[in-house]
Amino acid sequence: MFEREIEWFAQRLTGRVEMEVTPYQLGRVQFQGTSWFARLNDPSYYDVIRAGEVVLVLGREGSTTLIVMPIDISVQASDNDHTQDNHRPTRNGWWQWLAS
């Protein structure tokens, strides 16, 4: 099967879910002023990320799909700025990996 190359982002960036992302279905995420298709970084870890939730954008698969994971928001970002590094991921120890 054809696998697309993944570009992992060096910075921790966030986006806002527009259309829910599930383990079995692509969703849509607003990221840096553009709506992107999005998939979970590891579908076995999460259920559904609902519209309106903020996600951590880990990278891009091919030219059209973001790789995302849910995060816990300790300080709400404004609707116009989803790139501030004021979020703390809490699921599955990812925050420790990202902090390193």
Protein backbone atom coordinates (compact mmCIF):
# COMPACT_ATOMS: atom_id res chain seq x y z
CA MET A 1 0.00 0.00 0.00
CA PHE A 2 1.14 3.54 -0.75
CA GLU A 3 2.34 5.42 2.31
CA ARG A 4 2.67 9.18 2.33
CA GLU A 5 5.72 10.85 3.79
CA ILE A 6 5.17 12.57 7.12
CA GLU A 7 6.76 15.91 7.95
CA TRP A 8 6.96 16.26 11.76
CA PHE A 9 6.85 19.86 12.96
CA ALA A 10 9.69 21.09 15.18
CA GLN A 11 7.41 23.54 17.02
CA ARG A 12 4.35 22.80 19.13
CA LEU A 13 1.43 24.41 17.31
CA THR A 14 -2.29 24.27 17.91
CA GLY A 15 -5.40 24.26 15.77
CA ARG A 16 -9.15 24.19 16.36
CA VAL A 17 -11.33 21.27 15.22
CA GLU A 18 -14.03 22.27 12.73
CA MET A 19 -15.38 18.77 11.97
CA GLU A 20 -14.87 15.97 14.51
CA VAL A 21 -11.86 13.70 14.15
CA THR A 22 -12.38 10.01 15.01
CA PRO A 23 -10.08 6.97 15.02
CA TYR A 24 -11.73 5.80 11.80
CA GLN A 25 -12.46 9.03 9.97
CA LEU A 26 -10.63 12.17 8.93
CA GLY A 27 -11.93 15.42 10.34
CA ARG A 28 -11.14 19.06 9.64
CA VAL A 29 -8.94 21.43 11.64
CA GLN A 30 -8.46 25.18 11.31
CA PHE A 31 -4.69 25.73 11.38
CA GLN A 32 -2.81 28.93 10.58
CA GLY A 33 -5.80 30.44 8.80
CA THR A 34 -6.57 27.40 6.62
CA SER A 35 -8.94 24.46 6.97
CA TRP A 36 -7.08 21.12 6.72
CA PHE A 37 -8.04 17.46 6.75
CA ALA A 38 -6.79 15.93 9.99
CA ARG A 39 -6.21 12.49 11.45
CA LEU A 40 -5.23 11.26 14.90
CA ASN A 41 -1.56 10.54 15.51
CA ASP A 42 -2.48 7.20 17.15
CA PRO A 43 -6.11 6.16 16.74
CA SER A 44 -5.84 3.51 19.47
CA TYR A 45 -5.33 6.19 22.16
CA TYR A 46 -8.33 8.44 21.61
CA ASP A 47 -12.03 8.42 20.98
CA VAL A 48 -13.51 11.46 19.25
CA ILE A 49 -12.18 15.00 19.16
CA ARG A 50 -15.24 17.19 18.82
CA ALA A 51 -15.74 20.41 16.87
CA GLY A 52 -14.50 23.42 18.81
CA GLU A 53 -11.79 21.54 20.71
CA VAL A 54 -8.18 22.69 20.45
CA VAL A 55 -5.65 20.11 19.24
CA LEU A 56 -1.90 19.89 19.08
CA VAL A 57 -0.71 19.74 15.46
CA LEU A 58 2.25 17.36 15.31
CA GLY A 59 2.93 17.26 11.58
CA ARG A 60 1.63 16.94 8.04
CA GLU A 61 1.05 13.80 6.00
CA GLY A 62 1.36 14.45 2.31
CA SER A 63 0.21 17.89 1.25
CA THR A 64 -3.32 17.89 2.66
CA THR A 65 -3.60 16.07 6.01
CA LEU A 66 -2.49 17.21 9.46
CA ILE A 67 -1.56 14.77 12.20
CA VAL A 68 -3.14 15.88 15.48
CA MET A 69 -3.64 14.85 19.08
CA PRO A 70 -6.03 16.16 21.73
CA ILE A 71 -4.75 18.44 24.46
CA ASP A 72 -6.02 19.84 27.74
CA ILE A 73 -6.23 23.61 27.62
CA SER A 74 -4.87 25.24 30.76
CA VAL A 75 -5.23 28.74 29.33
CA GLN A 76 -7.77 29.28 26.56
CA ALA A 77 -6.28 30.72 23.37
CA SER A 78 -8.31 33.33 21.58
CA ASP A 79 -10.25 32.27 18.49
CA ASN A 80 -7.85 34.29 16.34
CA ASP A 81 -4.57 32.90 17.68
CA HIS A 82 -4.07 29.14 17.96
CA THR A 83 -0.29 29.11 17.85
CA GLN A 84 0.55 30.18 21.40
CA ASP A 85 2.49 27.70 23.48
CA ASN A 86 0.22 27.97 26.50
CA HIS A 87 -1.35 24.53 26.31
CA ARG A 88 -0.47 21.45 28.34
CA PRO A 89 -1.09 18.02 26.76
CA THR A 90 -2.15 15.52 29.39
CA ARG A 91 -3.10 12.27 27.67
CA ASN A 92 -0.73 9.28 27.60
CA GLY A 93 2.35 11.15 28.77
CA TRP A 94 2.73 13.02 25.49
CA TRP A 95 3.34 16.25 27.39
CA GLN A 96 6.59 14.78 28.76
CA TRP A 97 7.76 13.85 25.26
CA LEU A 98 6.86 17.26 23.90
CA ALA A 99 8.60 19.10 26.74
CA SER A 100 11.91 17.40 25.98
